[in-house]
Amino acid sequence: MKENYTLISTEYKNARSPLECKCPKGHVYKTRWYNWKTGYRCNECANINYSINFSGENSPTWKGGLSLHIIS
């Protein structure tokens, strides 16, 4: 499966050394080979996706649109 990530680092030392990568959205970040192999990708994209997927009605704390503000 092609994921369209770009490896920027030009030297590989070992599985524990960080490698610089660029995600398809252009975020540059560092990861280790082990983390990549186990499925970890761009943290910035993960945070954006989490915010989108768990906000509003998708949030486990959603209360049907109730507000903390009480109208008198």
PDB file of N, CA and C in Angstrom:
ATOM      1  N   MET A   1       0.840  -1.183   0.000  1.00  0.00           N
ATOM      2  CA  MET A   1       0.000   0.000   0.000  1.00  0.00           C
ATOM      3  C   MET A   1       0.885   1.247   0.000  1.00  0.00           C
ATOM      4  N   LYS A   2       0.688   2.113  -0.968  1.00  0.00           N
ATOM      5  CA  LYS A   2       1.457   3.338  -1.051  1.00  0.00           C
ATOM      6  C   LYS A   2       0.774   4.410  -0.215  1.00  0.00           C
ATOM      7  N   GLU A   3       1.511   5.025   0.697  1.00  0.00           N
ATOM      8  CA  GLU A   3       0.939   6.018   1.604  1.00  0.00           C
ATOM      9  C   GLU A   3       1.350   7.444   1.255  1.00  0.00           C
ATOM     10  N   ASN A   4       2.250   7.623   0.305  1.00  0.00           N
ATOM     11  CA  ASN A   4       2.703   8.938  -0.146  1.00  0.00           C
ATOM     12  C   ASN A   4       3.462   9.736   0.900  1.00  0.00           C
ATOM     13  N   TYR A   5       4.149   9.070   1.812  1.00  0.00           N
ATOM     14  CA  TYR A   5       5.058   9.726   2.737  1.00  0.00           C
ATOM     15  C   TYR A   5       6.418   9.808   2.060  1.00  0.00           C
ATOM     16  N   THR A   6       7.192  10.839   2.398  1.00  0.00           N
ATOM     17  CA  THR A   6       8.514  11.013   1.817  1.00  0.00           C
ATOM     18  C   THR A   6       9.560  10.905   2.910  1.00  0.00           C
ATOM     19  N   LEU A   7      10.569  10.098   2.687  1.00  0.00           N
ATOM     20  CA  LEU A   7      11.688   9.989   3.617  1.00  0.00           C
ATOM     21  C   LEU A   7      12.677  11.092   3.270  1.00  0.00           C
ATOM     22  N   ILE A   8      12.942  11.979   4.217  1.00  0.00           N
ATOM     23  CA  ILE A   8      13.858  13.093   3.997  1.00  0.00           C
ATOM     24  C   ILE A   8      15.276  12.727   4.433  1.00  0.00           C
ATOM     25  N   SER A   9      15.401  11.971   5.505  1.00  0.00           N
ATOM     26  CA  SER A   9      16.721  11.565   5.996  1.00  0.00           C
ATOM     27  C   SER A   9      17.460  10.794   4.916  1.00  0.00           C
ATOM     28  N   THR A  10      18.748  11.009   4.852  1.00  0.00           N
ATOM     29  CA  THR A  10      19.567  10.327   3.845  1.00  0.00           C
ATOM     30  C   THR A  10      20.455   9.256   4.452  1.00  0.00           C
ATOM     31  N   GLU A  11      20.455   9.154   5.783  1.00  0.00           N
ATOM     32  CA  GLU A  11      21.320   8.182   6.447  1.00  0.00           C
ATOM     33  C   GLU A  11      20.521   7.383   7.462  1.00  0.00           C
ATOM     34  N   TYR A  12      20.679   6.073   7.426  1.00  0.00           N
ATOM     35  CA  TYR A  12      20.040   5.184   8.395  1.00  0.00           C
ATOM     36  C   TYR A  12      21.113   4.660   9.327  1.00  0.00           C
ATOM     37  N   LYS A  13      20.940   4.877  10.638  1.00  0.00           N
ATOM     38  CA  LYS A  13      21.919   4.403  11.616  1.00  0.00           C
ATOM     39  C   LYS A  13      21.453   3.094  12.247  1.00  0.00           C
ATOM     40  N   ASN A  14      20.265   3.127  12.831  1.00  0.00           N
ATOM     41  CA  ASN A  14      19.678   1.944  13.450  1.00  0.00           C
ATOM     42  C   ASN A  14      18.198   2.198  13.701  1.00  0.00           C
ATOM     43  N   ALA A  15      17.496   1.185  14.177  1.00  0.00           N
ATOM     44  CA  ALA A  15      16.046   1.276  14.352  1.00  0.00           C
ATOM     45  C   ALA A  15      15.632   2.284  15.425  1.00  0.00           C
ATOM     46  N   ARG A  16      16.557   2.674  16.278  1.00  0.00           N
ATOM     47  CA  ARG A  16      16.236   3.618  17.347  1.00  0.00           C
ATOM     48  C   ARG A  16      16.508   5.063  16.977  1.00  0.00           C
ATOM     49  N   SER A  17      17.260   5.296  15.930  1.00  0.00           N
ATOM     50  CA  SER A  17      17.588   6.664  15.519  1.00  0.00           C
ATOM     51  C   SER A  17      16.420   7.283  14.766  1.00  0.00           C
ATOM     52  N   PRO A  18      16.135   8.558  15.042  1.00  0.00           N
ATOM     53  CA  PRO A  18      15.008   9.198  14.365  1.00  0.00           C
ATOM     54  C   PRO A  18      15.283   9.432  12.881  1.00  0.00           C
ATOM     55  N   LEU A  19      14.229   9.255  12.096  1.00  0.00           N
ATOM     56  CA  LEU A  19      14.270   9.523  10.663  1.00  0.00           C
ATOM     57  C   LEU A  19      13.315  10.675  10.379  1.00  0.00           C
ATOM     58  N   GLU A  20      13.743  11.596   9.535  1.00  0.00           N
ATOM     59  CA  GLU A  20      12.885  12.720   9.184  1.00  0.00           C
ATOM     60  C   GLU A  20      12.025  12.345   7.988  1.00  0.00           C
ATOM     61  N   CYS A  21      10.721  12.602   8.104  1.00  0.00           N
ATOM     62  CA  CYS A  21       9.752  12.245   7.063  1.00  0.00           C
ATOM     63  C   CYS A  21       8.854  13.432   6.775  1.00  0.00           C
ATOM     64  N   LYS A  22       8.150  13.347   5.654  1.00  0.00           N
ATOM     65  CA  LYS A  22       7.125  14.334   5.309  1.00  0.00           C
ATOM     66  C   LYS A  22       5.862  13.586   4.948  1.00  0.00           C
ATOM     67  N   CYS A  23       4.749  13.981   5.580  1.00  0.00           N
ATOM     68  CA  CYS A  23       3.473  13.322   5.309  1.00  0.00           C
ATOM     69  C   CYS A  23       2.869  13.893   4.024  1.00  0.00           C
ATOM     70  N   PRO A  24       1.829  13.258   3.490  1.00  0.00           N
ATOM     71  CA  PRO A  24       1.201  13.752   2.262  1.00  0.00           C
ATOM     72  C   PRO A  24       0.663  15.183   2.363  1.00  0.00           C
ATOM     73  N   LYS A  25       0.389  15.656   3.587  1.00  0.00           N
ATOM     74  CA  LYS A  25      -0.103  17.026   3.762  1.00  0.00           C
ATOM     75  C   LYS A  25       1.025  18.029   3.957  1.00  0.00           C
ATOM     76  N   GLY A  26       2.285  17.557   3.912  1.00  0.00           N
ATOM     77  CA  GLY A  26       3.438  18.452   3.979  1.00  0.00           C
ATOM     78  C   GLY A  26       4.017  18.676   5.357  1.00  0.00           C
ATOM     79  N   HIS A  27       3.501  18.008   6.380  1.00  0.00           N
ATOM     80  CA  HIS A  27       4.056  18.146   7.728  1.00  0.00           C
ATOM     81  C   HIS A  27       5.374  17.372   7.802  1.00  0.00           C
ATOM     82  N   VAL A  28       6.418  18.025   8.265  1.00  0.00           N
ATOM     83  CA  VAL A  28       7.711  17.366   8.435  1.00  0.00           C
ATOM     84  C   VAL A  28       7.839  16.972   9.902  1.00  0.00           C
ATOM     85  N   TYR A  29       8.210  15.733  10.146  1.00  0.00           N
ATOM     86  CA  TYR A  29       8.307  15.226  11.513  1.00  0.00           C
ATOM     87  C   TYR A  29       9.369  14.135  11.569  1.00  0.00           C
ATOM     88  N   LYS A  30       9.714  13.737  12.786  1.00  0.00           N
ATOM     89  CA  LYS A  30      10.696  12.667  12.982  1.00  0.00           C
ATOM     90  C   LYS A  30      10.014  11.470  13.620  1.00  0.00           C
ATOM     91  N   THR A  31      10.428  10.300  13.177  1.00  0.00           N
ATOM     92  CA  THR A  31       9.912   9.053  13.729  1.00  0.00           C
ATOM     93  C   THR A  31      11.041   8.031  13.730  1.00  0.00           C
ATOM     94  N   ARG A  32      10.851   6.977  14.459  1.00  0.00           N
ATOM     95  CA  ARG A  32      11.822   5.883  14.464  1.00  0.00           C
ATOM     96  C   ARG A  32      11.267   4.735  13.622  1.00  0.00           C
ATOM     97  N   TRP A  33      12.140   3.899  13.093  1.00  0.00           N
ATOM     98  CA  TRP A  33      11.708   2.807  12.228  1.00  0.00           C
ATOM     99  C   TRP A  33      10.691   1.920  12.924  1.00  0.00           C
ATOM    100  N   TYR A  34      10.934   1.606  14.193  1.00  0.00           N
ATOM    101  CA  TYR A  34      10.001   0.741  14.921  1.00  0.00           C
ATOM    102  C   TYR A  34       8.605   1.366  14.966  1.00  0.00           C
ATOM    103  N   ASN A  35       8.536   2.667  15.252  1.00  0.00           N
ATOM    104  CA  ASN A  35       7.242   3.345  15.317  1.00  0.00           C
ATOM    105  C   ASN A  35       6.551   3.310  13.961  1.00  0.00           C
ATOM    106  N   TRP A  36       7.308   3.536  12.909  1.00  0.00           N
ATOM    107  CA  TRP A  36       6.736   3.499  11.558  1.00  0.00           C
ATOM    108  C   TRP A  36       6.179   2.102  11.266  1.00  0.00           C
ATOM    109  N   LYS A  37       6.977   1.101  11.589  1.00  0.00           N
ATOM    110  CA  LYS A  37       6.595  -0.281  11.311  1.00  0.00           C
ATOM    111  C   LYS A  37       5.322  -0.695  12.051  1.00  0.00           C
ATOM    112  N   THR A  38       5.100  -0.131  13.233  1.00  0.00           N
ATOM    113  CA  THR A  38       3.922  -0.484  14.018  1.00  0.00           C
ATOM    114  C   THR A  38       2.724   0.420  13.727  1.00  0.00           C
ATOM    115  N   GLY A  39       2.857   1.314  12.746  1.00  0.00           N
ATOM    116  CA  GLY A  39       1.699   2.082  12.292  1.00  0.00           C
ATOM    117  C   GLY A  39       1.621   3.530  12.708  1.00  0.00           C
ATOM    118  N   TYR A  40       2.579   4.011  13.487  1.00  0.00           N
ATOM    119  CA  TYR A  40       2.546   5.417  13.883  1.00  0.00           C
ATOM    120  C   TYR A  40       2.964   6.288  12.708  1.00  0.00           C
ATOM    121  N   ARG A  41       2.185   7.335  12.452  1.00  0.00           N
ATOM    122  CA  ARG A  41       2.475   8.249  11.356  1.00  0.00           C
ATOM    123  C   ARG A  41       2.529   9.678  11.892  1.00  0.00           C
ATOM    124  N   CYS A  42       2.200  10.631  11.098  1.00  0.00           N
ATOM    125  CA  CYS A  42       2.305  12.056  11.422  1.00  0.00           C
ATOM    126  C   CYS A  42       1.413  12.426  12.617  1.00  0.00           C
ATOM    127  N   ASN A  43       2.021  12.941  13.687  1.00  0.00           N
ATOM    128  CA  ASN A  43       1.269  13.328  14.889  1.00  0.00           C
ATOM    129  C   ASN A  43       0.323  14.484  14.610  1.00  0.00           C
ATOM    130  N   GLU A  44       0.753  15.428  13.786  1.00  0.00           N
ATOM    131  CA  GLU A  44      -0.094  16.586  13.496  1.00  0.00           C
ATOM    132  C   GLU A  44      -1.377  16.149  12.779  1.00  0.00           C
ATOM    133  N   CYS A  45      -1.246  15.271  11.797  1.00  0.00           N
ATOM    134  CA  CYS A  45      -2.428  14.746  11.104  1.00  0.00           C
ATOM    135  C   CYS A  45      -3.308  13.938  12.059  1.00  0.00           C
ATOM    136  N   ALA A  46      -2.692  13.161  12.931  1.00  0.00           N
ATOM    137  CA  ALA A  46      -3.450  12.363  13.897  1.00  0.00           C
ATOM    138  C   ALA A  46      -4.253  13.268  14.822  1.00  0.00           C
ATOM    139  N   ASN A  47      -3.661  14.376  15.276  1.00  0.00           N
ATOM    140  CA  ASN A  47      -4.371  15.306  16.154  1.00  0.00           C
ATOM    141  C   ASN A  47      -5.537  15.974  15.430  1.00  0.00           C
ATOM    142  N   ILE A  48      -5.320  16.351  14.179  1.00  0.00           N
ATOM    143  CA  ILE A  48      -6.388  16.966  13.385  1.00  0.00           C
ATOM    144  C   ILE A  48      -7.532  15.968  13.205  1.00  0.00           C
ATOM    145  N   ASN A  49      -7.199  14.745  12.822  1.00  0.00           N
ATOM    146  CA  ASN A  49      -8.221  13.714  12.615  1.00  0.00           C
ATOM    147  C   ASN A  49      -8.972  13.399  13.899  1.00  0.00           C
ATOM    148  N   TYR A  50      -8.262  13.349  15.014  1.00  0.00           N
ATOM    149  CA  TYR A  50      -8.908  13.079  16.297  1.00  0.00           C
ATOM    150  C   TYR A  50      -9.901  14.187  16.625  1.00  0.00           C
ATOM    151  N   SER A  51      -9.481  15.444  16.425  1.00  0.00           N
ATOM    152  CA  SER A  51     -10.363  16.582  16.711  1.00  0.00           C
ATOM    153  C   SER A  51     -11.627  16.524  15.870  1.00  0.00           C
ATOM    154  N   ILE A  52     -11.477  16.178  14.607  1.00  0.00           N
ATOM    155  CA  ILE A  52     -12.630  16.099  13.709  1.00  0.00           C
ATOM    156  C   ILE A  52     -13.540  14.933  14.093  1.00  0.00           C
ATOM    157  N   ASN A  53     -12.941  13.786  14.367  1.00  0.00           N
ATOM    158  CA  ASN A  53     -13.716  12.570  14.627  1.00  0.00           C
ATOM    159  C   ASN A  53     -14.376  12.520  15.998  1.00  0.00           C
ATOM    160  N   PHE A  54     -13.890  13.316  16.953  1.00  0.00           N
ATOM    161  CA  PHE A  54     -14.437  13.257  18.302  1.00  0.00           C
ATOM    162  C   PHE A  54     -14.946  14.611  18.776  1.00  0.00           C
ATOM    163  N   SER A  55     -15.531  15.379  17.868  1.00  0.00           N
ATOM    164  CA  SER A  55     -16.126  16.649  18.265  1.00  0.00           C
ATOM    165  C   SER A  55     -17.611  16.637  17.907  1.00  0.00           C
ATOM    166  N   GLY A  56     -18.350  17.507  18.547  1.00  0.00           N
ATOM    167  CA  GLY A  56     -19.784  17.590  18.268  1.00  0.00           C
ATOM    168  C   GLY A  56     -20.491  16.294  18.586  1.00  0.00           C
ATOM    169  N   GLU A  57     -21.343  15.855  17.682  1.00  0.00           N
ATOM    170  CA  GLU A  57     -22.140  14.647  17.908  1.00  0.00           C
ATOM    171  C   GLU A  57     -21.289  13.376  17.986  1.00  0.00           C
ATOM    172  N   ASN A  58     -20.064  13.418  17.491  1.00  0.00           N
ATOM    173  CA  ASN A  58     -19.182  12.247  17.552  1.00  0.00           C
ATOM    174  C   ASN A  58     -18.487  12.101  18.901  1.00  0.00           C
ATOM    175  N   SER A  59     -18.573  13.116  19.741  1.00  0.00           N
ATOM    176  CA  SER A  59     -17.914  13.094  21.041  1.00  0.00           C
ATOM    177  C   SER A  59     -18.650  12.172  22.005  1.00  0.00           C
ATOM    178  N   PRO A  60     -17.922  11.386  22.785  1.00  0.00           N
ATOM    179  CA  PRO A  60     -18.589  10.526  23.766  1.00  0.00           C
ATOM    180  C   PRO A  60     -19.281  11.327  24.876  1.00  0.00           C
ATOM    181  N   THR A  61     -18.946  12.607  25.008  1.00  0.00           N
ATOM    182  CA  THR A  61     -19.582  13.435  26.031  1.00  0.00           C
ATOM    183  C   THR A  61     -20.684  14.333  25.457  1.00  0.00           C
ATOM    184  N   TRP A  62     -21.062  14.108  24.210  1.00  0.00           N
ATOM    185  CA  TRP A  62     -22.107  14.891  23.564  1.00  0.00           C
ATOM    186  C   TRP A  62     -23.425  14.735  24.332  1.00  0.00           C
ATOM    187  N   LYS A  63     -24.082  15.847  24.589  1.00  0.00           N
ATOM    188  CA  LYS A  63     -25.332  15.844  25.371  1.00  0.00           C
ATOM    189  C   LYS A  63     -26.496  16.371  24.529  1.00  0.00           C
ATOM    190  N   GLY A  64     -26.492  16.098  23.239  1.00  0.00           N
ATOM    191  CA  GLY A  64     -27.609  16.508  22.395  1.00  0.00           C
ATOM    192  C   GLY A  64     -27.684  17.998  22.131  1.00  0.00           C
ATOM    193  N   GLY A  65     -26.582  18.704  22.230  1.00  0.00           N
ATOM    194  CA  GLY A  65     -26.564  20.132  21.952  1.00  0.00           C
ATOM    195  C   GLY A  65     -26.853  21.002  23.165  1.00  0.00           C
ATOM    196  N   LEU A  66     -26.929  20.408  24.354  1.00  0.00           N
ATOM    197  CA  LEU A  66     -27.174  21.190  25.564  1.00  0.00           C
ATOM    198  C   LEU A  66     -25.984  22.094  25.829  1.00  0.00           C
ATOM    199  N   SER A  67     -26.252  23.253  26.349  1.00  0.00           N
ATOM    200  CA  SER A  67     -25.210  24.217  26.653  1.00  0.00           C
ATOM    201  C   SER A  67     -25.041  24.347  28.157  1.00  0.00           C
ATOM    202  N   LEU A  68     -23.877  24.796  28.563  1.00  0.00           N
ATOM    203  CA  LEU A  68     -23.646  25.068  29.990  1.00  0.00           C
ATOM    204  C   LEU A  68     -24.318  26.375  30.402  1.00  0.00           C
ATOM    205  N   HIS A  69     -24.664  27.198  29.427  1.00  0.00           N
ATOM    206  CA  HIS A  69     -25.308  28.473  29.707  1.00  0.00           C
ATOM    207  C   HIS A  69     -26.795  28.259  29.946  1.00  0.00           C
ATOM    208  N   ILE A  70     -27.282  28.765  31.042  1.00  0.00           N
ATOM    209  CA  ILE A  70     -28.701  28.633  31.378  1.00  0.00           C
ATOM    210  C   ILE A  70     -29.413  29.917  30.962  1.00  0.00           C
ATOM    211  N   ILE A  71     -30.461  29.769  30.184  1.00  0.00           N
ATOM    212  CA  ILE A  71     -31.224  30.919  29.715  1.00  0.00           C
ATOM    213  C   ILE A  71     -32.350  31.173  30.713  1.00  0.00           C
ATOM    214  N   SER A  72     -32.431  32.417  31.201  1.00  0.00           N
ATOM    215  CA  SER A  72     -33.479  32.759  32.181  1.00  0.00           C
ATOM    216  C   SER A  72     -34.741  33.188  31.489  1.00  0.00           C
TER     217      SER A  72
END
